[in-house]
């Protein structure tokens, strides 16, 4: 079962100062009225995460909203020049 979050819950996580330096950023996408959901993709920068979300929203038909969320997980993907790559595929450590 998906663990949906509200935008307010995600914004609260982003505002939490106890996570001094986020290790990565998680993409959250809202495609129905249940809330925002994510997957295991984690990006090193909020810019990469936002660009990935923008790319998804441009291709999917029912995207209602997107938001990046700080994460304590290690980055495992990169999104550059419109291409999603797993970090170990490009020779970088996750």
N, C-alpha and C. Protein backbone atom coordinates (compact mmCIF):
# COMPACT_ATOMS: atom_id res chain seq x y z
N UNK A 1 0.84 -1.18 0.00
CA UNK A 1 0.00 0.00 0.00
C UNK A 1 0.88 1.25 0.00
N UNK A 2 0.48 2.24 -0.77
CA UNK A 2 1.25 3.47 -0.84
C UNK A 2 1.08 4.29 0.43
N UNK A 3 2.16 4.95 0.79
CA UNK A 3 2.13 5.85 1.95
C UNK A 3 2.00 7.27 1.41
N UNK A 4 0.77 7.76 1.34
CA UNK A 4 0.52 9.10 0.83
C UNK A 4 0.83 10.16 1.89
N UNK A 5 1.31 11.32 1.44
CA UNK A 5 1.54 12.45 2.32
C UNK A 5 0.79 13.66 1.76
N UNK A 6 0.48 14.60 2.64
CA UNK A 6 -0.10 15.85 2.19
C UNK A 6 1.04 16.83 1.89
N UNK A 7 0.74 17.88 1.16
CA UNK A 7 1.76 18.89 0.87
C UNK A 7 2.26 19.52 2.18
N UNK A 8 1.35 19.70 3.12
CA UNK A 8 1.72 20.28 4.41
C UNK A 8 2.72 19.38 5.15
N UNK A 9 2.51 18.07 5.09
CA UNK A 9 3.46 17.15 5.73
C UNK A 9 4.84 17.23 5.09
N UNK A 10 4.88 17.33 3.78
CA UNK A 10 6.16 17.43 3.07
C UNK A 10 6.84 18.75 3.39
N UNK A 11 6.08 19.84 3.40
CA UNK A 11 6.66 21.15 3.72
C UNK A 11 7.19 21.18 5.15
N UNK A 12 6.52 20.48 6.07
CA UNK A 12 6.99 20.39 7.45
C UNK A 12 8.33 19.65 7.52
N UNK A 13 8.45 18.58 6.76
CA UNK A 13 9.73 17.84 6.69
C UNK A 13 10.82 18.75 6.13
N UNK A 14 10.51 19.50 5.08
CA UNK A 14 11.49 20.40 4.47
C UNK A 14 11.92 21.51 5.43
N UNK A 15 11.03 21.92 6.31
CA UNK A 15 11.33 23.00 7.25
C UNK A 15 12.02 22.51 8.52
N UNK A 16 12.07 21.21 8.73
CA UNK A 16 12.66 20.63 9.94
C UNK A 16 14.16 20.88 9.96
N UNK A 17 14.62 21.66 10.91
CA UNK A 17 16.04 22.01 10.98
C UNK A 17 16.88 20.95 11.67
N UNK A 18 16.28 19.89 12.20
CA UNK A 18 17.07 18.84 12.84
C UNK A 18 17.85 18.03 11.81
N UNK A 19 17.42 18.07 10.55
CA UNK A 19 18.18 17.44 9.48
C UNK A 19 19.13 18.51 8.95
N UNK A 20 20.30 18.65 9.62
CA UNK A 20 21.23 19.73 9.33
C UNK A 20 21.56 19.85 7.85
N UNK A 21 22.05 18.77 7.28
CA UNK A 21 22.40 18.77 5.87
C UNK A 21 21.73 17.57 5.22
N UNK A 22 20.72 17.82 4.41
CA UNK A 22 20.07 16.68 3.75
C UNK A 22 21.06 15.96 2.84
N UNK A 23 20.99 14.63 2.85
CA UNK A 23 21.86 13.85 1.99
C UNK A 23 21.35 13.82 0.56
N UNK A 24 20.02 13.93 0.42
CA UNK A 24 19.44 13.83 -0.91
C UNK A 24 18.05 14.48 -0.92
N UNK A 25 17.42 14.38 -2.08
CA UNK A 25 16.08 14.94 -2.26
C UNK A 25 15.21 13.90 -2.94
N UNK A 26 14.01 13.72 -2.39
CA UNK A 26 13.06 12.73 -2.89
C UNK A 26 11.97 13.42 -3.70
N UNK A 27 11.64 12.88 -4.88
CA UNK A 27 10.57 13.46 -5.69
C UNK A 27 9.20 12.97 -5.22
N UNK A 28 8.30 13.89 -4.93
CA UNK A 28 6.93 13.55 -4.58
C UNK A 28 6.01 14.09 -5.67
N UNK A 29 5.07 13.27 -6.08
CA UNK A 29 4.17 13.61 -7.17
C UNK A 29 2.74 13.33 -6.75
N UNK A 30 1.87 14.24 -7.08
CA UNK A 30 0.44 14.04 -6.79
C UNK A 30 -0.28 13.77 -8.10
N UNK A 31 -0.81 12.54 -8.23
CA UNK A 31 -1.50 12.16 -9.47
C UNK A 31 -2.96 11.78 -9.23
N UNK A 32 -3.38 11.88 -7.97
CA UNK A 32 -4.79 11.62 -7.65
C UNK A 32 -5.13 12.38 -6.38
N UNK A 33 -6.32 12.24 -5.91
CA UNK A 33 -6.76 13.01 -4.74
C UNK A 33 -6.32 12.42 -3.41
N UNK A 34 -5.64 11.26 -3.44
CA UNK A 34 -5.20 10.62 -2.20
C UNK A 34 -4.02 11.34 -1.54
N UNK A 35 -3.21 12.04 -2.32
CA UNK A 35 -2.06 12.75 -1.77
C UNK A 35 -0.83 12.55 -2.63
N UNK A 36 0.31 12.89 -2.06
CA UNK A 36 1.59 12.81 -2.76
C UNK A 36 2.25 11.47 -2.46
N UNK A 37 2.88 10.89 -3.47
CA UNK A 37 3.61 9.64 -3.27
C UNK A 37 5.00 9.79 -3.89
N UNK A 38 5.89 8.90 -3.47
CA UNK A 38 7.26 8.92 -3.97
C UNK A 38 7.69 7.50 -4.28
N UNK A 39 8.92 7.36 -4.70
CA UNK A 39 9.51 6.06 -4.94
C UNK A 39 10.90 6.04 -4.31
N UNK A 40 11.76 5.16 -4.73
CA UNK A 40 13.08 5.07 -4.11
C UNK A 40 14.13 5.96 -4.76
N UNK A 41 13.75 6.76 -5.76
CA UNK A 41 14.72 7.65 -6.39
C UNK A 41 15.13 8.75 -5.41
N UNK A 42 16.45 8.97 -5.30
CA UNK A 42 16.98 10.05 -4.47
C UNK A 42 18.05 10.77 -5.28
N UNK A 43 17.97 12.09 -5.27
CA UNK A 43 18.89 12.92 -6.06
C UNK A 43 19.79 13.74 -5.14
N UNK A 44 21.00 14.01 -5.59
CA UNK A 44 21.98 14.74 -4.78
C UNK A 44 21.59 16.20 -4.59
N UNK A 45 20.90 16.78 -5.55
CA UNK A 45 20.53 18.20 -5.46
C UNK A 45 19.03 18.40 -5.67
N UNK A 46 18.53 19.46 -5.10
CA UNK A 46 17.11 19.78 -5.29
C UNK A 46 16.88 20.17 -6.76
N UNK A 47 17.88 20.73 -7.42
CA UNK A 47 17.75 21.09 -8.84
C UNK A 47 17.49 19.85 -9.69
N UNK A 48 18.27 18.80 -9.47
CA UNK A 48 18.06 17.55 -10.21
C UNK A 48 16.66 16.98 -9.94
N UNK A 49 16.27 17.00 -8.68
CA UNK A 49 14.97 16.46 -8.28
C UNK A 49 13.85 17.25 -8.94
N UNK A 50 13.94 18.57 -8.91
CA UNK A 50 12.92 19.42 -9.52
C UNK A 50 12.85 19.22 -11.04
N UNK A 51 14.02 19.07 -11.67
CA UNK A 51 14.04 18.83 -13.11
C UNK A 51 13.42 17.48 -13.47
N UNK A 52 13.69 16.47 -12.64
CA UNK A 52 13.08 15.16 -12.86
C UNK A 52 11.56 15.25 -12.73
N UNK A 53 11.08 15.95 -11.70
CA UNK A 53 9.64 16.11 -11.50
C UNK A 53 9.00 16.88 -12.66
N UNK A 54 9.67 17.89 -13.15
CA UNK A 54 9.17 18.66 -14.28
C UNK A 54 9.09 17.78 -15.53
N UNK A 55 10.08 16.93 -15.72
CA UNK A 55 10.08 16.02 -16.86
C UNK A 55 8.90 15.04 -16.75
N UNK A 56 8.70 14.48 -15.58
CA UNK A 56 7.56 13.56 -15.38
C UNK A 56 6.24 14.27 -15.66
N UNK A 57 6.10 15.45 -15.11
CA UNK A 57 4.85 16.20 -15.28
C UNK A 57 4.58 16.53 -16.74
N UNK A 58 5.64 16.70 -17.53
CA UNK A 58 5.45 17.03 -18.95
C UNK A 58 5.04 15.81 -19.77
N UNK A 59 5.31 14.61 -19.26
CA UNK A 59 4.99 13.39 -20.00
C UNK A 59 3.74 12.67 -19.50
N UNK A 60 3.45 12.80 -18.22
CA UNK A 60 2.29 12.13 -17.64
C UNK A 60 1.06 12.99 -17.84
N UNK A 61 -0.10 12.35 -17.87
CA UNK A 61 -1.31 13.11 -18.17
C UNK A 61 -2.06 13.62 -16.95
N UNK A 62 -1.92 13.00 -15.80
CA UNK A 62 -2.73 13.39 -14.65
C UNK A 62 -1.92 13.91 -13.47
N UNK A 63 -0.83 14.57 -13.71
CA UNK A 63 -0.04 15.13 -12.61
C UNK A 63 -0.72 16.40 -12.12
N UNK A 64 -1.09 16.40 -10.85
CA UNK A 64 -1.76 17.56 -10.26
C UNK A 64 -0.77 18.53 -9.62
N UNK A 65 0.34 17.99 -9.08
CA UNK A 65 1.33 18.83 -8.41
C UNK A 65 2.58 18.01 -8.15
N UNK A 66 3.69 18.69 -7.93
CA UNK A 66 4.95 18.02 -7.58
C UNK A 66 5.66 18.83 -6.50
N UNK A 67 6.52 18.15 -5.73
CA UNK A 67 7.32 18.83 -4.72
C UNK A 67 8.53 17.95 -4.38
N UNK A 68 9.67 18.58 -4.15
CA UNK A 68 10.87 17.87 -3.70
C UNK A 68 10.91 17.89 -2.18
N UNK A 69 11.41 16.81 -1.60
CA UNK A 69 11.46 16.69 -0.15
C UNK A 69 12.86 16.26 0.29
N UNK A 70 13.39 16.91 1.32
CA UNK A 70 14.70 16.52 1.84
C UNK A 70 14.63 15.08 2.35
N UNK A 71 15.78 14.41 2.29
CA UNK A 71 15.85 13.01 2.70
C UNK A 71 17.19 12.72 3.35
N UNK A 72 17.18 11.80 4.29
CA UNK A 72 18.43 11.36 4.91
C UNK A 72 19.03 10.17 4.16
N UNK A 73 18.36 9.72 3.10
CA UNK A 73 18.89 8.63 2.27
C UNK A 73 20.05 9.12 1.42
N UNK A 74 20.92 8.19 1.05
CA UNK A 74 22.02 8.52 0.14
C UNK A 74 21.46 8.72 -1.27
N UNK A 75 22.04 9.63 -2.05
CA UNK A 75 21.60 9.78 -3.44
C UNK A 75 21.88 8.48 -4.21
N UNK A 76 20.95 8.09 -5.08
CA UNK A 76 21.16 6.88 -5.86
C UNK A 76 20.90 7.08 -7.36
N UNK A 77 20.43 8.27 -7.73
CA UNK A 77 20.19 8.58 -9.14
C UNK A 77 20.64 9.99 -9.44
N UNK A 78 20.89 10.24 -10.72
CA UNK A 78 21.14 11.60 -11.17
C UNK A 78 20.26 11.85 -12.38
N UNK A 79 19.90 13.11 -12.57
CA UNK A 79 19.08 13.51 -13.72
C UNK A 79 19.75 14.69 -14.37
N UNK A 80 20.37 14.45 -15.51
CA UNK A 80 21.05 15.52 -16.23
C UNK A 80 20.74 15.42 -17.71
N UNK A 81 20.58 16.58 -18.33
CA UNK A 81 20.29 16.66 -19.76
C UNK A 81 19.10 15.78 -20.14
N UNK A 82 18.09 15.75 -19.27
CA UNK A 82 16.87 15.01 -19.53
C UNK A 82 16.99 13.50 -19.43
N UNK A 83 18.07 13.03 -18.82
CA UNK A 83 18.30 11.59 -18.73
C UNK A 83 18.48 11.15 -17.28
N UNK A 84 17.75 10.09 -16.91
CA UNK A 84 17.83 9.52 -15.57
C UNK A 84 18.85 8.39 -15.58
N UNK A 85 19.82 8.45 -14.65
CA UNK A 85 20.84 7.42 -14.57
C UNK A 85 21.06 7.02 -13.12
N UNK A 86 21.17 5.71 -12.90
CA UNK A 86 21.53 5.23 -11.58
C UNK A 86 22.99 5.56 -11.34
N UNK A 87 23.34 6.02 -10.15
CA UNK A 87 24.70 6.48 -9.89
C UNK A 87 25.74 5.41 -10.16
N UNK A 88 25.48 4.15 -9.80
CA UNK A 88 26.49 3.12 -10.05
C UNK A 88 26.66 2.84 -11.54
N UNK A 89 25.70 3.25 -12.38
CA UNK A 89 25.83 3.09 -13.82
C UNK A 89 26.80 4.10 -14.42
N UNK A 90 26.98 5.23 -13.75
CA UNK A 90 27.86 6.26 -14.27
C UNK A 90 29.18 6.30 -13.49
N UNK A 91 29.41 5.29 -12.66
CA UNK A 91 30.68 5.18 -11.97
C UNK A 91 30.81 6.05 -10.74
N UNK A 92 29.70 6.57 -10.22
CA UNK A 92 29.77 7.39 -9.02
C UNK A 92 29.24 6.58 -7.85
N UNK A 93 29.80 6.80 -6.69
CA UNK A 93 29.33 6.11 -5.50
C UNK A 93 28.04 6.72 -5.02
N UNK A 94 27.11 5.88 -4.61
CA UNK A 94 25.84 6.37 -4.03
C UNK A 94 26.03 6.68 -2.58
